[in-house]
Amino acid sequence: TTKSEHTFFYYFSRIKRYTNTDDLANREVLINAIEKIDKDWAKYNAVRAISVFCQLFKIEINLTNYSKVPESNSRNIPTDKEIVTGFYKFDEYLNNRGKQVNQDVKDSWQLWRWTYGMLAVFGLRPRELFVNPHIHWWLSDENTDLTWRVDKDCKTGEREALPLYKEWIDEFDLRNPKYLEMLAIAISKKDQNNHAEITALIQRVSWWFRKIGLDFKPYDLRHGWAIRAHILGVPIKAAADNLGHSVQIHTKTYQRWFSLDMRKLAINQALSKRNEVELIKDENTGLKMENERLKIEVEKLRMEMVYKRS
């Protein structure tokens, strides 16, 4: 399948990155390649790839000593305010760039700004915007829930992703046909069956994040979506389904990114909700008391009228 091909390409590219393809693939060569890798996560991912490679070609190797999952890297998960500010950094780029710009790509920044907005609104994997995008559905009047259809050839199959903040769709002008036409043109220049070409397109997203001076990465928008959903009280199963992975992966992946500020925000919002409930209860009690007082007042007036008539 296409998903299997993508997985194979991912592992194969990892192996080529850290080994010499001219060397004989045996235990000693592969272990030596692993031990030369300095960065923990790079080593961990290389070990995963080499493990699959060795299973496939029946190479006996023990990678137990190299299979420990590294401690999580720190991430800069953007707040809602930072996400909006980041979106408008693309406009700052336009205003500050030099005058000598290639006319063929002078407006290309708009495609990457659109990509930024879509990642923020839907918590998508970048690849899910570029693999067989369902552009007609996104612009269709029938798309009343404003969902983005993730194609069946993506990592976890097809799904309809719901937006978390619908108002951002309008604010970021994400249904502007101009940007979708730019997406279609960019896709048409790539071979959808060539994973290297699609990966190069996706890497362009990260390049633009750096170019306009963002201090977070494309996947941080996905993590931000997950955390925001948690803070807003979206059930874990619903959030996991919307992001296209299991509840187990969702919990394991995103719980650790709850920074102190995020936890404070979550607690404060929970307390705020509780205070609102208490306020409503107090108002309800007050209204009941006022109702009883008015009943007594009405009964008093009725008795006075009866007395006067008699």
Protein backbone atom coordinates (compact mmCIF):
# COMPACT_ATOMS: atom_id res chain seq x y z
CA THR A 1 0.00 0.00 0.00
CA THR A 2 0.99 3.66 -0.26
CA LYS A 3 1.24 3.90 3.53
CA SER A 4 3.55 0.88 3.60
CA GLU A 5 5.64 2.42 0.83
CA HIS A 6 5.95 5.62 2.83
CA THR A 7 7.02 3.66 5.91
CA PHE A 8 9.60 1.76 3.87
CA PHE A 9 10.93 5.00 2.37
CA TYR A 10 11.16 6.54 5.85
CA TYR A 11 13.20 3.65 7.25
CA PHE A 12 15.32 3.28 4.12
CA SER A 13 16.22 6.97 4.10
CA ARG A 14 17.23 6.72 7.78
CA ILE A 15 19.55 3.81 7.06
CA LYS A 16 21.15 5.56 4.07
CA ARG A 17 21.70 8.67 6.18
CA TYR A 18 23.77 6.90 8.81
CA THR A 19 25.46 4.08 6.90
CA ASN A 20 27.72 3.72 3.90
CA THR A 21 25.73 1.93 1.21
CA ASP A 22 28.97 0.52 -0.22
CA ASP A 23 29.65 -1.42 2.99
CA LEU A 24 28.43 -4.96 3.56
CA ALA A 25 25.33 -4.90 5.76
CA ASN A 26 26.30 -7.06 8.74
CA ARG A 27 26.13 -6.83 12.51
CA GLU A 28 29.51 -5.14 13.00
CA VAL A 29 28.97 -2.48 10.34
CA LEU A 30 25.48 -1.58 11.60
CA ILE A 31 26.50 -1.45 15.28
CA ASN A 32 29.46 0.74 14.37
CA ALA A 33 27.15 3.10 12.46
CA ILE A 34 24.82 3.37 15.46
CA GLU A 35 27.65 4.14 17.88
CA LYS A 36 28.86 7.02 15.71
CA ILE A 37 25.54 8.88 16.09
CA ASP A 38 25.78 11.57 18.79
CA LYS A 39 22.21 12.81 19.18
CA ASP A 40 19.96 10.58 21.27
CA TRP A 41 16.81 10.87 19.17
CA ALA A 42 18.72 10.46 15.91
CA LYS A 43 20.31 7.31 17.33
CA TYR A 44 16.95 6.00 18.55
CA ASN A 45 15.30 6.51 15.14
CA ALA A 46 18.28 4.93 13.37
CA VAL A 47 18.03 1.89 15.65
CA ARG A 48 14.33 1.52 14.82
CA ALA A 49 15.11 1.63 11.10
CA ILE A 50 18.04 -0.80 11.36
CA SER A 51 15.93 -3.16 13.46
CA VAL A 52 13.29 -3.35 10.72
CA PHE A 53 16.01 -3.74 8.09
CA CYS A 54 17.61 -6.64 9.96
CA GLN A 55 14.28 -8.39 10.50
CA LEU A 56 13.49 -8.08 6.80
CA PHE A 57 16.84 -9.48 5.64
CA LYS A 58 17.24 -11.90 8.57
CA ILE A 59 20.43 -10.34 9.91
CA GLU A 60 21.11 -11.48 13.48
CA ILE A 61 21.72 -8.47 15.69
CA ASN A 62 21.02 -7.50 19.29
CA LEU A 63 20.00 -3.84 19.63
CA THR A 64 18.74 -4.03 23.21
CA ASN A 65 21.47 -1.71 24.51
CA TYR A 66 20.48 0.96 22.00
CA SER A 67 16.68 0.71 22.19
CA LYS A 68 15.98 2.91 25.21
CA VAL A 69 13.62 5.77 24.41
CA PRO A 70 15.42 9.09 25.05
CA GLU A 71 14.02 11.68 27.39
CA SER A 72 11.56 14.00 25.70
CA ASN A 73 12.92 17.04 23.94
CA SER A 74 11.60 20.34 25.20
CA ARG A 75 9.07 21.97 22.91
CA ASN A 76 7.87 25.50 22.55
CA ILE A 77 4.12 25.00 22.29
CA PRO A 78 2.59 28.28 21.08
CA THR A 79 -0.34 29.86 22.88
CA ASP A 80 -3.41 30.99 20.93
CA LYS A 81 -2.11 34.55 20.93
CA GLU A 82 1.29 33.43 19.65
CA ILE A 83 -0.37 31.41 16.88
CA VAL A 84 -2.28 34.45 15.63
CA THR A 85 0.86 36.61 15.90
CA GLY A 86 2.80 33.96 13.98
CA PHE A 87 0.26 34.00 11.17
CA TYR A 88 0.79 37.71 10.60
CA LYS A 89 4.56 37.28 10.53
CA PHE A 90 4.09 36.19 6.92
CA ASP A 91 2.73 39.67 6.17
CA GLU A 92 5.74 41.19 7.93
CA TYR A 93 7.95 39.12 5.65
CA LEU A 94 6.17 40.57 2.61
CA ASN A 95 6.62 44.13 3.85
CA ASN A 96 10.29 43.68 4.72
CA ARG A 97 11.62 41.52 1.90
CA GLY A 98 13.87 42.95 -0.78
CA LYS A 99 12.62 44.30 -4.08
CA GLN A 100 14.51 41.80 -6.22
CA VAL A 101 12.19 38.81 -6.06
CA ASN A 102 11.76 36.06 -8.64
CA GLN A 103 8.43 36.85 -10.29
CA ASP A 104 7.59 33.16 -10.55
CA VAL A 105 7.57 32.75 -6.77
CA LYS A 106 6.82 36.25 -5.51
CA ASP A 107 3.42 35.22 -4.15
CA SER A 108 4.39 31.74 -2.96
CA TRP A 109 4.54 32.92 0.66
CA GLN A 110 0.72 32.97 0.61
CA LEU A 111 0.61 29.20 0.15
CA TRP A 112 2.84 28.68 3.19
CA ARG A 113 0.81 31.13 5.24
CA TRP A 114 -2.31 29.14 4.29
CA THR A 115 -0.49 25.95 5.30
CA TYR A 116 0.37 27.50 8.66
CA GLY A 117 -3.28 28.41 9.26
CA MET A 118 -4.56 24.96 8.35
CA LEU A 119 -2.06 23.25 10.67
CA ALA A 120 -3.16 25.54 13.51
CA VAL A 121 -6.90 25.08 12.95
CA PHE A 122 -6.97 21.32 12.38
CA GLY A 123 -3.85 20.01 14.15
CA LEU A 124 -2.90 18.16 10.96
CA ARG A 125 0.35 16.45 10.12
CA PRO A 126 1.92 18.60 7.36
CA ARG A 127 1.83 15.64 4.97
CA GLU A 128 -1.97 15.49 5.31
CA LEU A 129 -2.27 18.77 3.42
CA PHE A 130 -0.17 17.66 0.47
CA VAL A 131 -1.09 14.01 -0.15
CA ASN A 132 -4.05 13.99 -2.56
CA PRO A 133 -5.74 17.02 -0.96
CA HIS A 134 -9.55 17.06 -1.27
CA ILE A 135 -9.69 20.67 -2.43
CA HIS A 136 -13.19 20.49 -3.93
CA TRP A 137 -14.62 19.23 -0.64
CA TRP A 138 -12.88 21.95 1.35
CA LEU A 139 -14.45 24.64 -0.83
CA SER A 140 -17.81 22.90 -1.23
CA ASP A 141 -21.03 24.49 0.08
CA GLU A 142 -21.96 21.01 1.31
CA ASN A 143 -19.04 21.14 3.74
CA THR A 144 -21.16 22.76 6.43
CA ASP A 145 -19.00 21.48 9.30
CA LEU A 146 -15.87 22.90 7.63
CA THR A 147 -13.96 19.62 7.82
CA TRP A 148 -10.69 18.82 6.09
CA ARG A 149 -10.72 15.39 4.46
CA VAL A 150 -7.47 13.54 5.07
CA ASP A 151 -6.77 11.14 2.21
CA LYS A 152 -6.71 7.36 2.59
CA ASP A 153 -3.06 7.28 1.49
CA CYS A 154 -1.93 9.26 4.54
CA LYS A 155 -0.24 7.72 7.57
CA THR A 156 -3.36 6.65 9.49
CA GLY A 157 -5.84 6.44 6.63
CA GLU A 158 -8.76 8.67 5.77
CA ARG A 159 -10.70 10.78 8.23
CA GLU A 160 -12.54 14.08 8.42
CA ALA A 161 -10.77 16.51 10.73
CA LEU A 162 -12.89 19.09 12.52
CA PRO A 163 -11.62 22.61 13.26
CA LEU A 164 -11.16 23.61 16.87
CA TYR A 165 -11.51 27.37 16.32
CA LYS A 166 -13.85 27.93 13.36
CA GLU A 167 -13.36 31.68 13.62
CA TRP A 168 -9.73 31.25 12.58
CA ILE A 169 -10.90 29.87 9.23
CA ASP A 170 -12.39 33.27 8.41
CA GLU A 171 -9.66 35.30 10.10
CA PHE A 172 -6.94 33.43 8.22
CA ASP A 173 -9.00 33.36 4.98
CA LEU A 174 -8.38 29.63 4.63
CA ARG A 175 -11.16 28.99 2.08
CA ASN A 176 -9.86 31.53 -0.40
CA PRO A 177 -9.82 29.69 -3.77
CA LYS A 178 -6.62 31.51 -4.70
CA TYR A 179 -4.62 29.66 -2.05
CA LEU A 180 -6.17 26.31 -2.96
CA GLU A 181 -5.24 26.89 -6.59
CA MET A 182 -1.67 27.55 -5.46
CA LEU A 183 -1.77 24.26 -3.52
CA ALA A 184 -3.05 22.40 -6.58
CA ILE A 185 -0.26 23.85 -8.74
CA ALA A 186 2.40 22.95 -6.16
CA ILE A 187 1.05 19.39 -5.95
CA SER A 188 0.87 19.01 -9.73
CA LYS A 189 4.62 19.60 -9.96
CA LYS A 190 5.32 16.64 -7.67
CA ASP A 191 5.04 12.93 -8.27
CA GLN A 192 2.60 11.71 -5.60
CA ASN A 193 4.21 8.27 -5.80
CA ASN A 194 7.68 9.69 -5.17
CA HIS A 195 7.97 10.04 -1.41
CA ALA A 196 11.18 12.04 -1.69
CA GLU A 197 9.37 14.74 -3.68
CA ILE A 198 6.47 14.96 -1.22
CA THR A 199 8.90 15.01 1.70
CA ALA A 200 10.80 17.87 0.06
CA LEU A 201 7.54 19.81 -0.18
CA ILE A 202 6.80 19.18 3.48
CA GLN A 203 10.31 20.24 4.49
CA ARG A 204 9.56 23.53 2.78
CA VAL A 205 6.99 24.19 5.52
CA SER A 206 9.69 24.01 8.20
CA TRP A 207 11.94 26.20 6.06
CA TRP A 208 9.30 28.93 5.97
CA PHE A 209 8.77 28.74 9.74
CA ARG A 210 12.46 29.50 10.18
CA LYS A 211 12.51 32.13 7.43
CA ILE A 212 9.85 34.33 9.04
CA GLY A 213 11.38 33.94 12.50
CA LEU A 214 8.99 31.59 14.30
CA ASP A 215 10.47 29.96 17.40
CA PHE A 216 8.28 26.87 17.11
CA LYS A 217 7.98 24.12 14.49
CA PRO A 218 5.09 22.88 12.31
CA TYR A 219 4.42 19.89 14.57
CA ASP A 220 4.19 22.24 17.57
CA LEU A 221 0.94 23.55 16.07
CA ARG A 222 -0.37 19.97 16.17
CA HIS A 223 0.69 19.61 19.79
CA GLY A 224 -0.88 22.99 20.53
CA TRP A 225 -4.17 21.77 19.06
CA ALA A 226 -4.12 18.71 21.31
CA ILE A 227 -3.39 20.72 24.44
CA ARG A 228 -5.99 23.35 23.56
CA ALA A 229 -8.57 20.60 23.06
CA HIS A 230 -7.73 19.20 26.49
CA ILE A 231 -8.05 22.61 28.13
CA LEU A 232 -11.40 23.20 26.44
CA GLY A 233 -12.71 19.91 27.77
CA VAL A 234 -12.80 17.96 24.48
CA PRO A 235 -12.94 14.23 25.40
CA ILE A 236 -9.64 12.44 24.80
CA LYS A 237 -11.23 9.91 22.40
CA ALA A 238 -12.71 12.70 20.27
CA ALA A 239 -9.42 14.63 20.21
CA ALA A 240 -7.42 11.49 19.35
CA ASP A 241 -9.80 10.57 16.52
CA ASN A 242 -9.61 14.09 15.13
CA LEU A 243 -5.80 13.96 15.12
CA GLY A 244 -5.76 10.51 13.59
CA HIS A 245 -4.18 8.33 16.24
CA SER A 246 -5.08 6.10 19.19
CA VAL A 247 -6.05 7.26 22.66
CA GLN A 248 -2.90 5.57 24.00
CA ILE A 249 -0.63 7.50 21.63
CA HIS A 250 -2.55 10.70 22.29
CA THR A 251 -2.16 10.41 26.05
CA LYS A 252 1.48 9.29 25.91
CA THR A 253 2.49 11.97 23.43
CA TYR A 254 0.70 15.06 24.66
CA GLN A 255 0.49 14.77 28.43
CA ARG A 256 4.21 15.44 28.71
CA TRP A 257 3.98 18.72 26.79
CA PHE A 258 1.81 20.34 29.46
CA SER A 259 4.06 23.18 30.55
CA LEU A 260 3.55 24.98 33.85
CA ASP A 261 1.80 27.82 32.05
CA MET A 262 -0.50 25.40 30.25
CA ARG A 263 -1.35 23.61 33.50
CA LYS A 264 -2.03 26.94 35.21
CA LEU A 265 -4.31 27.93 32.35
CA ALA A 266 -6.17 24.62 32.53
CA ILE A 267 -6.61 24.89 36.31
CA ASN A 268 -7.70 28.52 36.15
CA GLN A 269 -10.24 27.75 33.44
CA ALA A 270 -11.58 24.83 35.46
CA LEU A 271 -11.89 27.05 38.54
CA SER A 272 -13.54 29.70 36.43
CA LYS A 273 -16.11 27.17 35.23
CA ARG A 274 -16.73 26.10 38.82
CA ASN A 275 -17.13 29.71 39.90
CA GLU A 276 -19.62 30.25 37.09
CA VAL A 277 -21.63 27.26 38.31
CA GLU A 278 -21.55 28.57 41.88
CA LEU A 279 -22.64 32.00 40.66
CA ILE A 280 -25.56 30.48 38.75
CA LYS A 281 -26.55 28.52 41.86
CA ASP A 282 -26.46 31.69 43.97
CA GLU A 283 -28.49 33.57 41.38
CA ASN A 284 -30.97 30.70 41.25
CA THR A 285 -31.33 30.73 45.05
CA GLY A 286 -31.83 34.49 44.98
CA LEU A 287 -34.50 34.20 42.30
CA LYS A 288 -36.32 31.54 44.31
CA MET A 289 -36.32 33.79 47.37
CA GLU A 290 -37.53 36.72 45.29
CA ASN A 291 -40.26 34.52 43.85
CA GLU A 292 -41.43 33.54 47.34
CA ARG A 293 -41.41 37.20 48.42
CA LEU A 294 -43.53 38.16 45.42
CA LYS A 295 -45.96 35.33 46.16
CA ILE A 296 -46.40 36.65 49.69
CA GLU A 297 -46.83 40.18 48.33
CA VAL A 298 -49.49 39.02 45.85
CA GLU A 299 -51.31 37.11 48.58
CA LYS A 300 -51.17 40.19 50.82
CA LEU A 301 -52.68 42.38 48.08
CA ARG A 302 -55.36 39.77 47.41
CA MET A 303 -56.34 39.71 51.09
CA GLU A 304 -56.49 43.51 51.21
CA MET A 305 -58.83 43.57 48.21
CA VAL A 306 -61.07 40.94 49.81
CA TYR A 307 -61.12 42.96 53.04
CA LYS A 308 -62.06 46.18 51.23
CA ARG A 309 -64.91 44.47 49.37
CA SER A 310 -66.32 43.09 52.57
